[in-house]
């Protein structure tokens, strides 16, 4: 099942998060309520997905878990940054034509 989650995550982290939420209890173990996971998957899907897989019992993170979360956060921030750059390029192209 873990390999299936990895394949789905490579396609879409939001879809993978939904699959993990529906087919396992990891999201319930990682979060206390349903509001925070909704916002997390909307605004930082890679970070939310990685958090669900690295969080330990009692909502604890240790050692390399923080590194994985940092990498996921950088991927999420990179996606937002890339979207902004591409949007500016499109606007520049449209205004010059």
Protein backbone atom coordinates (compact mmCIF):
# COMPACT_ATOMS: atom_id res chain seq x y z
CA UNK A 1 0.00 0.00 0.00
CA UNK A 2 2.91 2.35 0.68
CA UNK A 3 4.13 2.15 -2.92
CA UNK A 4 0.64 2.98 -4.15
CA UNK A 5 0.65 6.11 -1.96
CA UNK A 6 4.03 7.11 -3.42
CA UNK A 7 2.78 6.73 -7.01
CA UNK A 8 -0.37 8.72 -6.25
CA UNK A 9 1.67 11.41 -4.44
CA UNK A 10 3.92 11.87 -7.46
CA UNK A 11 0.82 12.67 -9.51
CA UNK A 12 -1.02 14.82 -6.99
CA UNK A 13 -0.22 15.37 -3.31
CA UNK A 14 -3.80 16.45 -2.58
CA UNK A 15 -5.22 13.26 -4.06
CA UNK A 16 -2.65 11.20 -2.14
CA UNK A 17 -3.58 13.00 1.08
CA UNK A 18 -7.25 12.22 0.44
CA UNK A 19 -6.42 8.56 -0.21
CA UNK A 20 -4.41 8.35 3.01
CA UNK A 21 -7.24 10.05 4.91
CA UNK A 22 -9.90 7.68 3.54
CA UNK A 23 -7.98 4.38 3.58
CA UNK A 24 -5.88 4.67 6.75
CA UNK A 25 -5.95 6.20 10.19
CA UNK A 26 -2.72 8.22 9.75
CA UNK A 27 -4.48 11.59 9.35
CA UNK A 28 -6.57 10.94 12.44
CA UNK A 29 -3.41 10.07 14.37
CA UNK A 30 -1.53 13.14 13.11
CA UNK A 31 -4.24 15.76 13.63
CA UNK A 32 -6.68 16.27 16.50
CA UNK A 33 -9.56 17.64 14.40
CA UNK A 34 -10.61 17.88 10.76
CA UNK A 35 -10.18 21.66 10.25
CA UNK A 36 -6.38 21.82 10.31
CA UNK A 37 -5.85 19.01 7.77
CA UNK A 38 -8.27 20.72 5.36
CA UNK A 39 -6.35 24.01 5.51
CA UNK A 40 -3.00 22.22 5.45
CA UNK A 41 -3.81 20.25 2.31
CA UNK A 42 -5.22 23.35 0.58
CA UNK A 43 -2.26 25.63 1.24
CA UNK A 44 0.71 23.27 1.77
CA UNK A 45 -0.16 19.84 0.33
CA UNK A 46 3.36 18.36 0.30
CA UNK A 47 4.02 19.51 3.85
CA UNK A 48 0.72 18.07 5.06
CA UNK A 49 1.36 14.75 3.34
CA UNK A 50 4.88 14.43 4.71
CA UNK A 51 3.70 15.44 8.19
CA UNK A 52 1.11 12.65 8.18
CA UNK A 53 3.80 10.09 7.39
CA UNK A 54 6.56 11.32 9.74
CA UNK A 55 4.59 12.26 12.86
CA UNK A 56 5.00 9.78 15.69
CA UNK A 57 2.77 8.79 18.56
CA UNK A 58 1.77 11.76 20.66
CA UNK A 59 2.29 14.17 17.73
CA UNK A 60 6.06 14.12 18.18
CA UNK A 61 8.74 14.80 15.58
CA UNK A 62 12.32 13.69 16.03
CA UNK A 63 15.61 14.23 14.21
CA UNK A 64 15.32 13.69 10.48
CA UNK A 65 11.55 14.22 10.60
CA UNK A 66 12.19 17.95 10.75
CA UNK A 67 14.43 17.70 7.69
CA UNK A 68 11.69 15.94 5.71
CA UNK A 69 9.18 18.60 6.75
CA UNK A 70 11.57 21.38 5.73
CA UNK A 71 12.11 19.79 2.31
CA UNK A 72 8.33 19.45 1.82
CA UNK A 73 7.79 23.06 2.89
CA UNK A 74 10.43 24.22 0.40
CA UNK A 75 8.69 22.23 -2.36
CA UNK A 76 5.37 23.91 -1.47
CA UNK A 77 6.95 27.36 -1.39
CA UNK A 78 8.73 26.63 -4.66
CA UNK A 79 5.42 25.76 -6.28
CA UNK A 80 3.97 29.11 -5.19
CA UNK A 81 7.07 30.94 -6.37
CA UNK A 82 7.11 29.21 -9.73
CA UNK A 83 3.44 30.04 -10.24
CA UNK A 84 4.15 33.71 -9.62
CA UNK A 85 7.10 33.80 -12.01
CA UNK A 86 5.15 32.05 -14.76
CA UNK A 87 2.20 34.40 -14.25
CA UNK A 88 4.44 37.44 -14.66
CA UNK A 89 5.95 35.93 -17.83
CA UNK A 90 2.48 35.39 -19.29
CA UNK A 91 1.40 38.94 -18.48
CA UNK A 92 4.57 40.29 -20.06
CA UNK A 93 3.97 38.27 -23.23
CA UNK A 94 0.32 39.36 -23.45
CA UNK A 95 1.11 43.06 -22.99
CA UNK A 96 3.85 43.00 -25.66
CA UNK A 97 1.63 41.45 -28.33
